[in-house]
């Protein structure tokens, strides 16, 4: 079970980083647009932290992406 959680966090982090970079944004840019900290963005991208549904919605709105793209791309 733990492996699945770690794999999920890694996949979400990779997807988030790719979407952010496609917009040519820094982590600070995304953090500002989503109303979260840059460290939180870094933690999500590095798979160190799982974002809440509330934060996932804020991030996907900032990126103008679909939540499912961030979570499962």
N, C-alpha and C. Protein backbone atom coordinates (compact mmCIF):
# COMPACT_ATOMS: atom_id res chain seq x y z
N UNK A 1 0.82 -1.20 0.00
CA UNK A 1 0.00 0.00 0.00
C UNK A 1 0.86 1.26 0.00
N UNK A 2 1.91 1.28 0.82
CA UNK A 2 2.79 2.45 0.91
C UNK A 2 3.44 2.73 -0.44
N UNK A 3 3.82 1.68 -1.16
CA UNK A 3 4.44 1.88 -2.47
C UNK A 3 3.48 2.58 -3.41
N UNK A 4 2.19 2.25 -3.33
CA UNK A 4 1.19 2.90 -4.18
C UNK A 4 1.07 4.38 -3.86
N UNK A 5 1.12 4.72 -2.59
CA UNK A 5 1.02 6.12 -2.18
C UNK A 5 2.25 6.89 -2.66
N UNK A 6 3.41 6.30 -2.47
CA UNK A 6 4.65 6.96 -2.90
C UNK A 6 4.66 7.13 -4.42
N UNK A 7 4.22 6.11 -5.14
CA UNK A 7 4.17 6.19 -6.61
C UNK A 7 3.19 7.27 -7.04
N UNK A 8 2.06 7.37 -6.35
CA UNK A 8 1.06 8.39 -6.68
C UNK A 8 1.64 9.78 -6.45
N UNK A 9 2.29 10.00 -5.30
CA UNK A 9 2.88 11.31 -5.01
C UNK A 9 3.94 11.66 -6.05
N UNK A 10 4.73 10.68 -6.45
CA UNK A 10 5.77 10.93 -7.46
C UNK A 10 5.15 11.29 -8.80
N UNK A 11 4.09 10.58 -9.20
CA UNK A 11 3.44 10.85 -10.48
C UNK A 11 2.79 12.23 -10.49
N UNK A 12 2.09 12.56 -9.42
CA UNK A 12 1.46 13.88 -9.32
C UNK A 12 2.53 14.97 -9.36
N UNK A 13 3.62 14.78 -8.64
CA UNK A 13 4.70 15.76 -8.63
C UNK A 13 5.30 15.97 -10.00
N UNK A 14 5.52 14.86 -10.71
CA UNK A 14 6.08 14.95 -12.07
C UNK A 14 5.12 15.69 -12.99
N UNK A 15 3.84 15.34 -12.92
CA UNK A 15 2.84 16.00 -13.76
C UNK A 15 2.76 17.49 -13.46
N UNK A 16 2.77 17.82 -12.18
CA UNK A 16 2.69 19.22 -11.77
C UNK A 16 3.88 20.01 -12.31
N UNK A 17 5.07 19.47 -12.15
CA UNK A 17 6.27 20.14 -12.65
C UNK A 17 6.23 20.33 -14.16
N UNK A 18 5.78 19.31 -14.88
CA UNK A 18 5.71 19.42 -16.35
C UNK A 18 4.70 20.48 -16.78
N UNK A 19 3.55 20.51 -16.13
CA UNK A 19 2.54 21.51 -16.47
C UNK A 19 3.03 22.92 -16.15
N UNK A 20 3.69 23.06 -15.02
CA UNK A 20 4.23 24.38 -14.63
C UNK A 20 5.29 24.83 -15.63
N UNK A 21 6.20 23.93 -15.98
CA UNK A 21 7.27 24.28 -16.91
C UNK A 21 6.73 24.57 -18.31
N UNK A 22 5.65 23.91 -18.70
CA UNK A 22 5.04 24.17 -20.01
C UNK A 22 4.53 25.62 -20.09
N UNK A 23 4.17 26.18 -18.95
CA UNK A 23 3.74 27.58 -18.90
C UNK A 23 4.92 28.53 -18.72
N UNK A 24 6.12 27.93 -18.62
CA UNK A 24 7.34 28.70 -18.39
C UNK A 24 7.26 29.49 -17.08
N UNK A 25 6.69 28.85 -16.07
CA UNK A 25 6.58 29.44 -14.75
C UNK A 25 7.62 28.84 -13.81
N UNK A 26 8.08 29.64 -12.88
CA UNK A 26 8.89 29.13 -11.78
C UNK A 26 7.94 28.58 -10.71
N UNK A 27 8.52 27.92 -9.75
CA UNK A 27 7.69 27.46 -8.62
C UNK A 27 7.08 28.66 -7.91
N UNK A 28 7.83 29.74 -7.82
CA UNK A 28 7.32 30.96 -7.17
C UNK A 28 6.14 31.53 -7.95
N UNK A 29 6.21 31.49 -9.28
CA UNK A 29 5.10 31.98 -10.10
C UNK A 29 3.82 31.19 -9.81
N UNK A 30 3.95 29.86 -9.81
CA UNK A 30 2.79 29.01 -9.55
C UNK A 30 2.26 29.26 -8.14
N UNK A 31 3.15 29.35 -7.19
CA UNK A 31 2.74 29.59 -5.81
C UNK A 31 1.94 30.88 -5.69
N UNK A 32 2.43 31.93 -6.32
CA UNK A 32 1.74 33.23 -6.28
C UNK A 32 0.35 33.12 -6.91
N UNK A 33 0.28 32.51 -8.08
CA UNK A 33 -1.00 32.39 -8.79
C UNK A 33 -2.01 31.52 -8.05
N UNK A 34 -1.51 30.49 -7.35
CA UNK A 34 -2.39 29.57 -6.64
C UNK A 34 -2.66 29.99 -5.20
N UNK A 35 -1.91 30.97 -4.70
CA UNK A 35 -2.10 31.43 -3.34
C UNK A 35 -1.56 30.46 -2.30
N UNK A 36 -0.45 29.81 -2.64
CA UNK A 36 0.22 28.90 -1.70
C UNK A 36 1.70 29.29 -1.64
N UNK A 37 2.47 28.60 -0.83
CA UNK A 37 3.88 28.94 -0.72
C UNK A 37 4.71 28.23 -1.79
N UNK A 38 5.86 28.81 -2.10
CA UNK A 38 6.77 28.17 -3.05
C UNK A 38 7.26 26.84 -2.50
N UNK A 39 7.48 26.78 -1.19
CA UNK A 39 7.93 25.54 -0.58
C UNK A 39 6.88 24.44 -0.73
N UNK A 40 5.61 24.79 -0.65
CA UNK A 40 4.55 23.80 -0.85
C UNK A 40 4.62 23.25 -2.28
N UNK A 41 4.80 24.13 -3.26
CA UNK A 41 4.92 23.68 -4.65
C UNK A 41 6.10 22.73 -4.78
N UNK A 42 7.23 23.11 -4.20
CA UNK A 42 8.42 22.25 -4.26
C UNK A 42 8.14 20.90 -3.62
N UNK A 43 7.48 20.89 -2.48
CA UNK A 43 7.17 19.63 -1.80
C UNK A 43 6.24 18.75 -2.64
N UNK A 44 5.25 19.34 -3.29
CA UNK A 44 4.35 18.56 -4.14
C UNK A 44 5.13 17.99 -5.33
N UNK A 45 5.94 18.81 -5.96
CA UNK A 45 6.69 18.36 -7.14
C UNK A 45 7.71 17.27 -6.78
N UNK A 46 8.26 17.34 -5.59
CA UNK A 46 9.25 16.35 -5.15
C UNK A 46 8.60 15.11 -4.53
N UNK A 47 7.27 15.10 -4.48
CA UNK A 47 6.57 13.95 -3.92
C UNK A 47 6.71 13.82 -2.42
N UNK A 48 7.03 14.90 -1.75
CA UNK A 48 7.21 14.88 -0.30
C UNK A 48 5.91 15.10 0.46
N UNK A 49 4.92 15.63 -0.22
CA UNK A 49 3.68 16.02 0.45
C UNK A 49 2.52 15.76 -0.50
N UNK A 50 1.40 15.33 0.06
CA UNK A 50 0.17 15.15 -0.71
C UNK A 50 -0.67 16.41 -0.54
N UNK A 51 -1.12 16.97 -1.64
CA UNK A 51 -1.93 18.18 -1.55
C UNK A 51 -3.37 17.83 -1.22
N UNK A 52 -4.03 18.72 -0.53
CA UNK A 52 -5.45 18.55 -0.25
C UNK A 52 -6.24 18.78 -1.53
N UNK A 53 -7.47 18.36 -1.52
CA UNK A 53 -8.34 18.61 -2.68
C UNK A 53 -8.48 20.11 -2.92
N UNK A 54 -8.59 20.88 -1.86
CA UNK A 54 -8.70 22.33 -1.97
C UNK A 54 -7.49 22.93 -2.69
N UNK A 55 -6.30 22.51 -2.29
CA UNK A 55 -5.08 23.01 -2.93
C UNK A 55 -4.99 22.52 -4.37
N UNK A 56 -5.39 21.28 -4.62
CA UNK A 56 -5.37 20.75 -5.99
C UNK A 56 -6.24 21.59 -6.91
N UNK A 57 -7.39 22.01 -6.42
CA UNK A 57 -8.27 22.86 -7.22
C UNK A 57 -7.63 24.22 -7.46
N UNK A 58 -7.01 24.81 -6.43
CA UNK A 58 -6.34 26.10 -6.60
C UNK A 58 -5.22 26.02 -7.62
N UNK A 59 -4.44 24.93 -7.57
CA UNK A 59 -3.32 24.77 -8.49
C UNK A 59 -3.82 24.56 -9.91
N UNK A 60 -4.81 23.70 -10.08
CA UNK A 60 -5.29 23.44 -11.44
C UNK A 60 -5.96 24.67 -12.04
N UNK A 61 -6.63 25.46 -11.23
CA UNK A 61 -7.20 26.72 -11.75
C UNK A 61 -6.09 27.66 -12.18
N UNK A 62 -5.04 27.76 -11.36
CA UNK A 62 -3.91 28.64 -11.70
C UNK A 62 -3.26 28.20 -13.00
N UNK A 63 -3.13 26.89 -13.19
CA UNK A 63 -2.50 26.36 -14.40
C UNK A 63 -3.45 26.28 -15.59
N UNK A 64 -4.74 26.55 -15.32
CA UNK A 64 -5.77 26.41 -16.35
C UNK A 64 -5.73 24.99 -16.93
N UNK A 65 -5.65 24.04 -16.01
CA UNK A 65 -5.58 22.62 -16.37
C UNK A 65 -6.79 21.91 -15.75
N UNK A 66 -6.99 20.69 -16.16
CA UNK A 66 -8.02 19.86 -15.55
C UNK A 66 -7.38 19.11 -14.39
N UNK A 67 -8.08 18.97 -13.30
CA UNK A 67 -7.55 18.27 -12.13
C UNK A 67 -7.08 16.87 -12.49
N UNK A 68 -7.81 16.20 -13.33
CA UNK A 68 -7.45 14.84 -13.71
C UNK A 68 -6.10 14.80 -14.42
N UNK A 69 -5.76 15.87 -15.13
CA UNK A 69 -4.46 15.94 -15.83
C UNK A 69 -3.33 16.00 -14.81
N UNK A 70 -3.50 16.77 -13.78
CA UNK A 70 -2.48 16.88 -12.75
C UNK A 70 -2.34 15.55 -12.01
N UNK A 71 -3.46 14.91 -11.73
CA UNK A 71 -3.44 13.71 -10.92
C UNK A 71 -3.04 12.45 -11.67
N UNK A 72 -3.37 12.35 -12.95
CA UNK A 72 -3.18 11.04 -13.61
C UNK A 72 -2.50 11.08 -14.97
N UNK A 73 -2.12 12.20 -15.45
CA UNK A 73 -1.53 12.32 -16.79
C UNK A 73 -0.49 11.26 -17.06
